[in-house]
Structures are given as structure tokens and as C-alpha cells.
Amino acid sequence: MPADLAGKVAFVTGASSGIGAATARSLAESGATVVAGYNTGADRAAALIESLRGNGHMALRLRLEESRTADSAAANVRGTLGRCDILVNSAGFTRPIPHGNLDALDDATMDAVLTANVRGPFSVIRAFAPLMRETGDAVIVNVSSISAFTGSGSSIAYCAAKAALDTMSISLARVLGPEIRVLCVSPAAVATDFVAGRDRAAIEKIAENTPLKTVVEPEDVALAVMACVTHLRTATGTRIVVDGGRHIV
């Protein structure tokens, strides 16, 4: 998928591992200057920056629970790089809880999941939107999940949060265009350590029950993000599903 993103600046949240790291690598390979947002993975983020192709990349700490850190990150990017063309909201949080165990899904867990997956991405978008509007041709990609429309996933809270993220993305697409496009990329089970207790064997078992019988790797999701950035030039307010067909099983 040839693409020339030279001169473009991309901010990727959750970039220290998993889908975020794979996306950061893909963007840098295409010539973009990458700002890697991280929370607790400072060492991983630093190692990622060192490994990226090109120069000028940097890492910034971002806590989704604290909106002021998004404001600070946006100000830092403006002052250091002068622009932001691409925003990828890959950071998130979940806790596996059986859907039938309503008592286990306490208020604190519900609040934490909604904050990380809805309020957090919104605070980042709100902070970066003025800078992105100035480019006249920017794009936001929110990493969502098929849990948003299947109602199945690590917890009811996670399903609700991703559904909110999808709907919020539609609303934002209406008000941020034409300068900014907004899309969601929606995987299912991806071969990362995002869900506690779910190992490679569990991922492979899930994949065996899908039409394509293929494990979805972080790089597969990163390719979908790249397609949103570089090739789906007239798409906004929609989702791209990357799940091996799991949602139709």
C-alpha cells in the first residue's frame, strides 16, 4: 500500500504496545513524523521511538483519566512540530467480566472503562481539533471493536463503551468536516495482551471459528488504520471492520 506521508505529523495514543505500536511503525514507514502517546509504558515508548524510521519522532505521556494531559500534549505538538495531520486513538482499557455476573461489574469498573474508551478519546480529540483543522485535510481514526455492535466482548462495560465511541465518531464526523475526517477501525480479538488472561492459544481458538480462520495481528489493524488515512479519502463517519468475519458467525 504505497503512501507518502512525508511532512505529516501523527499523534498515536496507546503507542507503546499492541495496535498503537504497530500503527506508529506503519505511519513512520510511510514518512510521517510520529508522536507516541503512552501512559505507563515509558520504556516501551522510548524503545519504539528509537526503532522508527526517520527523524523527529517523540514520546509524550498521556493519561486518559486526566484531560489536562491531552491539552498539554496538543500544546507540545503545536510548539514542537507546528501541526497535526493524523490522530489515532488506540489507547483503551478493559477488564474481563462474565456478562451474566452483574454484581462483578461495579461502579468503579464501569467508570474506568467508560473513561478510558469514551471520555479519554474525546478529550484528546477536543484538544487536538483546533490544530488539526488548520491543516485543512486531517483525519482521526478511533480504534473501536466489533463489541460495539455485537454486544459480545470482555465485559458489558466494554461493549457499551465502544458503542459510545462509534456513535461519538459519527457525531464528530458531522461537525469536524470538511477539514477533518473521522473513522473507526473495529477489530475483534487481536493477538495482543490487551485482555488479561487471554493468551495466544485462546486467540487461535477464536480464529478457528471465523470464516477466514486467521488470527488478526496488530499489523492487520494498523493496515486498516493506514487505509483510512491514505486511501479512503471520501470516507467519514463510518467503521472499517477487521475481524476475519467473526461478526457474521
C-alpha atoms as a PDB file:
ATOM      1  CA  MET A   1       0.000   0.000   0.000  1.00  0.00           C
ATOM      2  CA  PRO A   2       2.204   2.851  -1.207  1.00  0.00           C
ATOM      3  CA  ALA A   3       1.676   6.125   0.590  1.00  0.00           C
ATOM      4  CA  ASP A   4       3.765   9.226   1.062  1.00  0.00           C
ATOM      5  CA  LEU A   5       3.157  10.884   4.397  1.00  0.00           C
ATOM      6  CA  ALA A   6       6.333  12.965   4.343  1.00  0.00           C
ATOM      7  CA  GLY A   7       5.746  16.261   6.123  1.00  0.00           C
ATOM      8  CA  LYS A   8       2.731  14.883   8.008  1.00  0.00           C
ATOM      9  CA  VAL A   9       2.564  14.628  11.801  1.00  0.00           C
ATOM     10  CA  ALA A  10       0.689  11.795  13.506  1.00  0.00           C
ATOM     11  CA  PHE A  11      -0.236  11.517  17.176  1.00  0.00           C
ATOM     12  CA  VAL A  12      -0.954   7.941  18.289  1.00  0.00           C
ATOM     13  CA  THR A  13      -2.319   7.184  21.746  1.00  0.00           C
ATOM     14  CA  GLY A  14      -1.520   3.832  23.317  1.00  0.00           C
ATOM     15  CA  ALA A  15       1.555   3.698  21.105  1.00  0.00           C
ATOM     16  CA  SER A  16       3.842   1.836  23.494  1.00  0.00           C
ATOM     17  CA  SER A  17       2.442  -1.593  22.590  1.00  0.00           C
ATOM     18  CA  GLY A  18      -0.025  -3.618  20.546  1.00  0.00           C
ATOM     19  CA  ILE A  19      -2.111  -1.934  17.868  1.00  0.00           C
ATOM     20  CA  GLY A  20      -0.773   1.506  18.742  1.00  0.00           C
ATOM     21  CA  ALA A  21       2.851   0.460  18.293  1.00  0.00           C
ATOM     22  CA  ALA A  22       2.101  -1.319  15.010  1.00  0.00           C
ATOM     23  CA  THR A  23       0.291   1.780  13.757  1.00  0.00           C
ATOM     24  CA  ALA A  24       3.153   4.059  14.773  1.00  0.00           C
ATOM     25  CA  ARG A  25       5.595   1.881  12.842  1.00  0.00           C
ATOM     26  CA  SER A  26       3.384   1.892   9.734  1.00  0.00           C
ATOM     27  CA  LEU A  27       2.982   5.661   9.816  1.00  0.00           C
ATOM     28  CA  ALA A  28       6.712   6.202  10.208  1.00  0.00           C
ATOM     29  CA  GLU A  29       7.462   3.769   7.369  1.00  0.00           C
ATOM     30  CA  SER A  30       5.276   5.942   5.158  1.00  0.00           C
ATOM     31  CA  GLY A  31       7.214   9.059   6.102  1.00  0.00           C
ATOM     32  CA  ALA A  32       5.129  10.597   8.880  1.00  0.00           C
ATOM     33  CA  THR A  33       6.633  12.135  11.989  1.00  0.00           C
ATOM     34  CA  VAL A  34       5.128  10.170  14.876  1.00  0.00           C
ATOM     35  CA  VAL A  35       4.306  11.363  18.377  1.00  0.00           C
ATOM     36  CA  ALA A  36       3.788   8.314  20.575  1.00  0.00           C
ATOM     37  CA  GLY A  37       1.351   8.827  23.426  1.00  0.00           C
ATOM     38  CA  TYR A  38       1.805   6.499  26.381  1.00  0.00           C
ATOM     39  CA  ASN A  39       0.667   6.178  29.982  1.00  0.00           C
ATOM     40  CA  THR A  40       2.751   3.688  31.967  1.00  0.00           C
ATOM     41  CA  GLY A  41       4.930   2.297  29.176  1.00  0.00           C
ATOM     42  CA  ALA A  42       7.657   4.949  29.164  1.00  0.00           C
ATOM     43  CA  ASP A  43      10.455   2.466  28.436  1.00  0.00           C
ATOM     44  CA  ARG A  44       8.482   0.784  25.672  1.00  0.00           C
ATOM     45  CA  ALA A  45       7.604   4.143  24.125  1.00  0.00           C
ATOM     46  CA  ALA A  46      11.228   5.238  24.199  1.00  0.00           C
ATOM     47  CA  ALA A  47      12.316   1.982  22.550  1.00  0.00           C
ATOM     48  CA  LEU A  48       9.631   2.418  19.893  1.00  0.00           C
ATOM     49  CA  ILE A  49      10.792   5.938  19.081  1.00  0.00           C
ATOM     50  CA  GLU A  50      14.360   4.722  18.700  1.00  0.00           C
ATOM     51  CA  SER A  51      13.236   1.988  16.295  1.00  0.00           C
ATOM     52  CA  LEU A  52      11.129   4.158  13.994  1.00  0.00           C
ATOM     53  CA  ARG A  53      12.262   5.061  10.521  1.00  0.00           C
ATOM     54  CA  GLY A  54      13.065   8.725  10.030  1.00  0.00           C
ATOM     55  CA  ASN A  55      13.754  11.561  12.437  1.00  0.00           C
ATOM     56  CA  GLY A  56      11.857  13.937  14.675  1.00  0.00           C
ATOM     57  CA  HIS A  57       9.683  11.348  16.414  1.00  0.00           C
ATOM     58  CA  MET A  58       8.936  11.825  20.106  1.00  0.00           C
ATOM     59  CA  ALA A  59       7.024  10.299  23.007  1.00  0.00           C
ATOM     60  CA  LEU A  60       4.592  12.143  25.300  1.00  0.00           C
ATOM     61  CA  ARG A  61       2.858  10.890  28.419  1.00  0.00           C
ATOM     62  CA  LEU A  62      -0.922  10.947  28.251  1.00  0.00           C
ATOM     63  CA  ARG A  63      -3.365   9.889  30.966  1.00  0.00           C
ATOM     64  CA  LEU A  64      -6.862   9.356  29.599  1.00  0.00           C
ATOM     65  CA  GLU A  65      -8.245   9.981  33.082  1.00  0.00           C
ATOM     66  CA  GLU A  66      -6.768  13.496  33.120  1.00  0.00           C
ATOM     67  CA  SER A  67      -7.959  15.754  30.298  1.00  0.00           C
ATOM     68  CA  ARG A  68      -5.275  18.335  31.072  1.00  0.00           C
ATOM     69  CA  THR A  69      -2.621  15.892  29.814  1.00  0.00           C
ATOM     70  CA  ALA A  70      -4.340  15.884  26.404  1.00  0.00           C
ATOM     71  CA  ASP A  71      -4.290  19.695  26.388  1.00  0.00           C
ATOM     72  CA  SER A  72      -0.614  19.627  27.333  1.00  0.00           C
ATOM     73  CA  ALA A  73       0.176  17.103  24.581  1.00  0.00           C
ATOM     74  CA  ALA A  74      -1.591  19.201  21.950  1.00  0.00           C
ATOM     75  CA  ALA A  75       0.280  22.322  23.066  1.00  0.00           C
ATOM     76  CA  ASN A  76       3.572  20.409  22.970  1.00  0.00           C
ATOM     77  CA  VAL A  77       2.918  19.126  19.445  1.00  0.00           C
ATOM     78  CA  ARG A  78       1.948  22.613  18.257  1.00  0.00           C
ATOM     79  CA  GLY A  79       5.039  24.184  19.801  1.00  0.00           C
ATOM     80  CA  THR A  80       7.462  21.491  18.666  1.00  0.00           C
ATOM     81  CA  LEU A  81       6.134  20.314  15.313  1.00  0.00           C
ATOM     82  CA  GLY A  82       3.656  23.029  14.358  1.00  0.00           C
ATOM     83  CA  ARG A  83       0.936  20.744  13.026  1.00  0.00           C
ATOM     84  CA  CYS A  84      -1.028  17.533  13.452  1.00  0.00           C
ATOM     85  CA  ASP A  85      -2.492  15.793  10.410  1.00  0.00           C
ATOM     86  CA  ILE A  86      -3.355  12.371  11.840  1.00  0.00           C
ATOM     87  CA  LEU A  87      -4.757  11.350  15.224  1.00  0.00           C
ATOM     88  CA  VAL A  88      -5.116   7.675  16.094  1.00  0.00           C
ATOM     89  CA  ASN A  89      -6.916   6.912  19.360  1.00  0.00           C
ATOM     90  CA  SER A  90      -5.612   3.435  20.125  1.00  0.00           C
ATOM     91  CA  ALA A  91      -5.358   3.618  23.914  1.00  0.00           C
ATOM     92  CA  GLY A  92      -8.052   1.871  25.898  1.00  0.00           C
ATOM     93  CA  PHE A  93      -8.825  -0.322  28.859  1.00  0.00           C
ATOM     94  CA  THR A  94     -10.971  -3.310  29.709  1.00  0.00           C
ATOM     95  CA  ARG A  95     -11.415  -5.852  32.447  1.00  0.00           C
ATOM     96  CA  PRO A  96     -12.813  -9.292  31.600  1.00  0.00           C
ATOM     97  CA  ILE A  97     -16.064  -9.858  33.481  1.00  0.00           C
ATOM     98  CA  PRO A  98     -18.659 -12.516  32.558  1.00  0.00           C
ATOM     99  CA  HIS A  99     -21.716 -10.769  31.171  1.00  0.00           C
ATOM    100  CA  GLY A 100     -24.036 -12.690  33.455  1.00  0.00           C
ATOM    101  CA  ASN A 101     -22.251 -11.575  36.602  1.00  0.00           C
ATOM    102  CA  LEU A 102     -23.839  -8.160  37.021  1.00  0.00           C
ATOM    103  CA  ASP A 103     -22.625  -7.733  40.580  1.00  0.00           C
ATOM    104  CA  ALA A 104     -18.994  -8.058  39.475  1.00  0.00           C
ATOM    105  CA  LEU A 105     -19.376  -5.052  37.213  1.00  0.00           C
ATOM    106  CA  ASP A 106     -19.213  -2.440  39.955  1.00  0.00           C
ATOM    107  CA  ASP A 107     -19.453   1.314  39.525  1.00  0.00           C
ATOM    108  CA  ALA A 108     -15.698   1.847  39.720  1.00  0.00           C
ATOM    109  CA  THR A 109     -15.024  -0.606  36.891  1.00  0.00           C
ATOM    110  CA  MET A 110     -17.819   0.826  34.756  1.00  0.00           C
ATOM    111  CA  ASP A 111     -16.477   4.337  35.272  1.00  0.00           C
ATOM    112  CA  ALA A 112     -12.883   3.281  34.481  1.00  0.00           C
ATOM    113  CA  VAL A 113     -13.856   1.535  31.240  1.00  0.00           C
ATOM    114  CA  LEU A 114     -16.064   4.403  30.057  1.00  0.00           C
ATOM    115  CA  THR A 115     -13.423   6.981  30.918  1.00  0.00           C
ATOM    116  CA  ALA A 116     -10.631   5.173  29.080  1.00  0.00           C
ATOM    117  CA  ASN A 117     -12.646   4.324  25.979  1.00  0.00           C
ATOM    118  CA  VAL A 118     -15.025   7.286  25.616  1.00  0.00           C
ATOM    119  CA  ARG A 119     -14.187  10.350  27.677  1.00  0.00           C
ATOM    120  CA  GLY A 120     -10.458   9.899  27.170  1.00  0.00           C
ATOM    121  CA  PRO A 121     -10.533   9.750  23.356  1.00  0.00           C
ATOM    122  CA  PHE A 122     -12.972  12.674  23.312  1.00  0.00           C
ATOM    123  CA  SER A 123     -10.638  14.791  25.440  1.00  0.00           C
ATOM    124  CA  VAL A 124      -7.777  14.050  23.024  1.00  0.00           C
ATOM    125  CA  ILE A 125      -9.915  14.938  20.003  1.00  0.00           C
ATOM    126  CA  ARG A 126     -11.131  18.130  21.682  1.00  0.00           C
ATOM    127  CA  ALA A 127      -7.550  19.135  22.461  1.00  0.00           C
ATOM    128  CA  PHE A 128      -6.151  18.402  19.002  1.00  0.00           C
ATOM    129  CA  ALA A 129      -9.080  19.514  16.809  1.00  0.00           C
ATOM    130  CA  PRO A 130      -8.044  23.196  16.542  1.00  0.00           C
ATOM    131  CA  LEU A 131      -4.523  22.235  15.428  1.00  0.00           C
ATOM    132  CA  MET A 132      -5.856  19.627  13.002  1.00  0.00           C
ATOM    133  CA  ARG A 133      -8.381  21.996  11.449  1.00  0.00           C
ATOM    134  CA  GLU A 134      -5.509  24.249  10.421  1.00  0.00           C
ATOM    135  CA  THR A 135      -4.132  21.620   8.029  1.00  0.00           C
ATOM    136  CA  GLY A 136      -7.416  21.544   6.084  1.00  0.00           C
ATOM    137  CA  ASP A 137      -7.003  17.822   5.366  1.00  0.00           C
ATOM    138  CA  ALA A 138      -6.714  15.851   8.602  1.00  0.00           C
ATOM    139  CA  VAL A 139      -8.051  12.514   9.796  1.00  0.00           C
ATOM    140  CA  ILE A 140      -8.963  10.953  13.129  1.00  0.00           C
ATOM    141  CA  VAL A 141      -9.093   7.169  13.441  1.00  0.00           C
ATOM    142  CA  ASN A 142     -10.625   5.732  16.592  1.00  0.00           C
ATOM    143  CA  VAL A 143      -9.749   2.114  17.328  1.00  0.00           C
ATOM    144  CA  SER A 144     -13.059   0.591  18.345  1.00  0.00           C
ATOM    145  CA  SER A 145     -14.274  -3.027  18.406  1.00  0.00           C
ATOM    146  CA  ILE A 146     -16.969  -5.249  16.979  1.00  0.00           C
ATOM    147  CA  SER A 147     -18.148  -5.401  20.602  1.00  0.00           C
ATOM    148  CA  ALA A 148     -19.799  -2.056  19.835  1.00  0.00           C
ATOM    149  CA  PHE A 149     -22.397  -3.658  17.568  1.00  0.00           C
ATOM    150  CA  THR A 150     -22.374  -7.344  18.546  1.00  0.00           C
ATOM    151  CA  GLY A 151     -22.768  -6.828  22.291  1.00  0.00           C
ATOM    152  CA  SER A 152     -20.197  -9.554  22.945  1.00  0.00           C
ATOM    153  CA  GLY A 153     -16.768  -8.933  24.374  1.00  0.00           C
ATOM    154  CA  SER A 154     -14.687  -8.807  27.522  1.00  0.00           C
ATOM    155  CA  SER A 155     -17.432  -7.127  29.559  1.00  0.00           C
ATOM    156  CA  ILE A 156     -20.759  -5.356  29.204  1.00  0.00           C
ATOM    157  CA  ALA A 157     -18.975  -2.130  30.128  1.00  0.00           C
ATOM    158  CA  TYR A 158     -16.537  -2.564  27.246  1.00  0.00           C
ATOM    159  CA  CYS A 159     -19.361  -3.226  24.772  1.00  0.00           C
ATOM    160  CA  ALA A 160     -21.186  -0.113  25.959  1.00  0.00           C
ATOM    161  CA  ALA A 161     -18.037   1.999  25.810  1.00  0.00           C
ATOM    162  CA  LYS A 162     -17.158   1.003  22.255  1.00  0.00           C
ATOM    163  CA  ALA A 163     -20.756   1.572  21.137  1.00  0.00           C
ATOM    164  CA  ALA A 164     -20.488   5.066  22.586  1.00  0.00           C
ATOM    165  CA  LEU A 165     -17.179   5.602  20.795  1.00  0.00           C
ATOM    166  CA  ASP A 166     -18.742   4.592  17.471  1.00  0.00           C
ATOM    167  CA  THR A 167     -21.717   6.922  17.913  1.00  0.00           C
ATOM    168  CA  MET A 168     -19.495   9.743  19.115  1.00  0.00           C
ATOM    169  CA  SER A 169     -17.363   9.288  15.991  1.00  0.00           C
ATOM    170  CA  ILE A 170     -20.427   9.753  13.779  1.00  0.00           C
ATOM    171  CA  SER A 171     -21.363  12.944  15.624  1.00  0.00           C
ATOM    172  CA  LEU A 172     -17.808  14.263  15.365  1.00  0.00           C
ATOM    173  CA  ALA A 173     -17.631  13.463  11.655  1.00  0.00           C
ATOM    174  CA  ARG A 174     -20.612  15.764  11.107  1.00  0.00           C
ATOM    175  CA  VAL A 175     -19.145  18.730  12.937  1.00  0.00           C
ATOM    176  CA  LEU A 176     -15.428  18.414  12.134  1.00  0.00           C
ATOM    177  CA  GLY A 177     -15.754  18.133   8.360  1.00  0.00           C
ATOM    178  CA  PRO A 178     -14.659  19.162   5.835  1.00  0.00           C
ATOM    179  CA  GLU A 179     -11.255  19.795   7.403  1.00  0.00           C
ATOM    180  CA  ILE A 180     -11.180  16.591   9.473  1.00  0.00           C
ATOM    181  CA  ARG A 181     -12.453  13.121   8.620  1.00  0.00           C
ATOM    182  CA  VAL A 182     -13.400  10.750  11.475  1.00  0.00           C
ATOM    183  CA  LEU A 183     -13.474   6.959  11.169  1.00  0.00           C
ATOM    184  CA  CYS A 184     -13.479   3.877  13.383  1.00  0.00           C
ATOM    185  CA  VAL A 185     -11.484   0.704  12.841  1.00  0.00           C
ATOM    186  CA  SER A 186     -13.199  -2.212  14.531  1.00  0.00           C
ATOM    187  CA  PRO A 187     -11.270  -5.432  15.191  1.00  0.00           C
ATOM    188  CA  ALA A 188     -12.346  -8.405  17.269  1.00  0.00           C
ATOM    189  CA  ALA A 189      -9.827 -10.496  19.200  1.00  0.00           C
ATOM    190  CA  VAL A 190      -6.352  -9.264  18.266  1.00  0.00           C
ATOM    191  CA  ALA A 191      -3.100 -11.045  19.140  1.00  0.00           C
ATOM    192  CA  THR A 192      -2.073  -8.651  21.918  1.00  0.00           C
ATOM    193  CA  ASP A 193      -2.121  -8.761  25.713  1.00  0.00           C
ATOM    194  CA  PHE A 194      -4.961  -6.212  25.887  1.00  0.00           C
ATOM    195  CA  VAL A 195      -7.385  -8.609  27.593  1.00  0.00           C
ATOM    196  CA  ALA A 196      -5.926 -10.020  30.800  1.00  0.00           C
ATOM    197  CA  GLY A 197      -5.763 -13.811  30.829  1.00  0.00           C
ATOM    198  CA  ARG A 198      -6.289 -14.252  27.074  1.00  0.00           C
ATOM    199  CA  ASP A 199      -3.225 -15.957  25.596  1.00  0.00           C
ATOM    200  CA  ARG A 200      -2.213 -16.860  22.036  1.00  0.00           C
ATOM    201  CA  ALA A 201      -3.943 -20.242  22.269  1.00  0.00           C
ATOM    202  CA  ALA A 202      -7.224 -18.558  23.133  1.00  0.00           C
ATOM    203  CA  ILE A 203      -6.837 -16.155  20.209  1.00  0.00           C
ATOM    204  CA  GLU A 204      -6.162 -19.046  17.832  1.00  0.00           C
ATOM    205  CA  LYS A 205      -9.243 -20.902  19.106  1.00  0.00           C
ATOM    206  CA  ILE A 206     -11.384 -17.831  18.449  1.00  0.00           C
ATOM    207  CA  ALA A 207      -9.916 -17.502  14.955  1.00  0.00           C
ATOM    208  CA  GLU A 208     -10.745 -21.119  14.115  1.00  0.00           C
ATOM    209  CA  ASN A 209     -14.426 -20.282  14.494  1.00  0.00           C
ATOM    210  CA  THR A 210     -14.355 -17.409  11.995  1.00  0.00           C
ATOM    211  CA  PRO A 211     -14.845 -17.670   8.219  1.00  0.00           C
ATOM    212  CA  LEU A 212     -11.216 -16.733   7.458  1.00  0.00           C
ATOM    213  CA  LYS A 213      -9.747 -18.853  10.293  1.00  0.00           C
ATOM    214  CA  THR A 214      -6.920 -16.337  10.581  1.00  0.00           C
ATOM    215  CA  VAL A 215      -5.564 -14.681  13.693  1.00  0.00           C
ATOM    216  CA  VAL A 216      -5.879 -10.903  13.495  1.00  0.00           C
ATOM    217  CA  GLU A 217      -2.463  -9.416  14.243  1.00  0.00           C
ATOM    218  CA  PRO A 218      -1.781  -5.825  15.360  1.00  0.00           C
ATOM    219  CA  GLU A 219      -0.247  -5.182  11.946  1.00  0.00           C
ATOM    220  CA  ASP A 220      -3.545  -6.122  10.278  1.00  0.00           C
ATOM    221  CA  VAL A 221      -5.350  -3.460  12.276  1.00  0.00           C
ATOM    222  CA  ALA A 222      -2.561  -0.979  11.534  1.00  0.00           C
ATOM    223  CA  LEU A 223      -3.060  -1.597   7.809  1.00  0.00           C
ATOM    224  CA  ALA A 224      -6.740  -0.751   8.188  1.00  0.00           C
ATOM    225  CA  VAL A 225      -5.818   2.452  10.000  1.00  0.00           C
ATOM    226  CA  MET A 226      -3.413   3.294   7.189  1.00  0.00           C
ATOM    227  CA  ALA A 227      -6.150   2.696   4.624  1.00  0.00           C
ATOM    228  CA  CYS A 228      -8.352   5.200   6.458  1.00  0.00           C
ATOM    229  CA  VAL A 229      -5.530   7.732   6.431  1.00  0.00           C
ATOM    230  CA  THR A 230      -4.249   7.306   2.894  1.00  0.00           C
ATOM    231  CA  HIS A 231      -6.812   5.640   0.644  1.00  0.00           C
ATOM    232  CA  LEU A 232     -10.363   6.101   1.943  1.00  0.00           C
ATOM    233  CA  ARG A 233     -10.257   9.769   1.085  1.00  0.00           C
ATOM    234  CA  THR A 234     -14.041  10.259   0.858  1.00  0.00           C
ATOM    235  CA  ALA A 235     -14.980   8.144   3.881  1.00  0.00           C
ATOM    236  CA  THR A 236     -16.021   9.694   7.179  1.00  0.00           C
ATOM    237  CA  GLY A 237     -18.405   8.780   9.979  1.00  0.00           C
ATOM    238  CA  THR A 238     -18.138   5.071   9.277  1.00  0.00           C
ATOM    239  CA  ARG A 239     -16.409   1.935  10.568  1.00  0.00           C
ATOM    240  CA  ILE A 240     -13.948  -0.460   8.966  1.00  0.00           C
ATOM    241  CA  VAL A 241     -14.282  -3.976  10.378  1.00  0.00           C
ATOM    242  CA  VAL A 242     -11.133  -6.107  10.690  1.00  0.00           C
ATOM    243  CA  ASP A 243     -12.145  -9.358  12.375  1.00  0.00           C
ATOM    244  CA  GLY A 244     -11.751 -12.279   9.958  1.00  0.00           C
ATOM    245  CA  GLY A 245     -15.536 -12.339   9.650  1.00  0.00           C
ATOM    246  CA  ARG A 246     -16.178 -13.059  13.310  1.00  0.00           C
ATOM    247  CA  HIS A 247     -19.143 -10.671  13.459  1.00  0.00           C
ATOM    248  CA  ILE A 248     -21.090 -12.763  10.944  1.00  0.00           C
ATOM    249  CA  VAL A 249     -20.668 -16.071  12.776  1.00  0.00           C
END
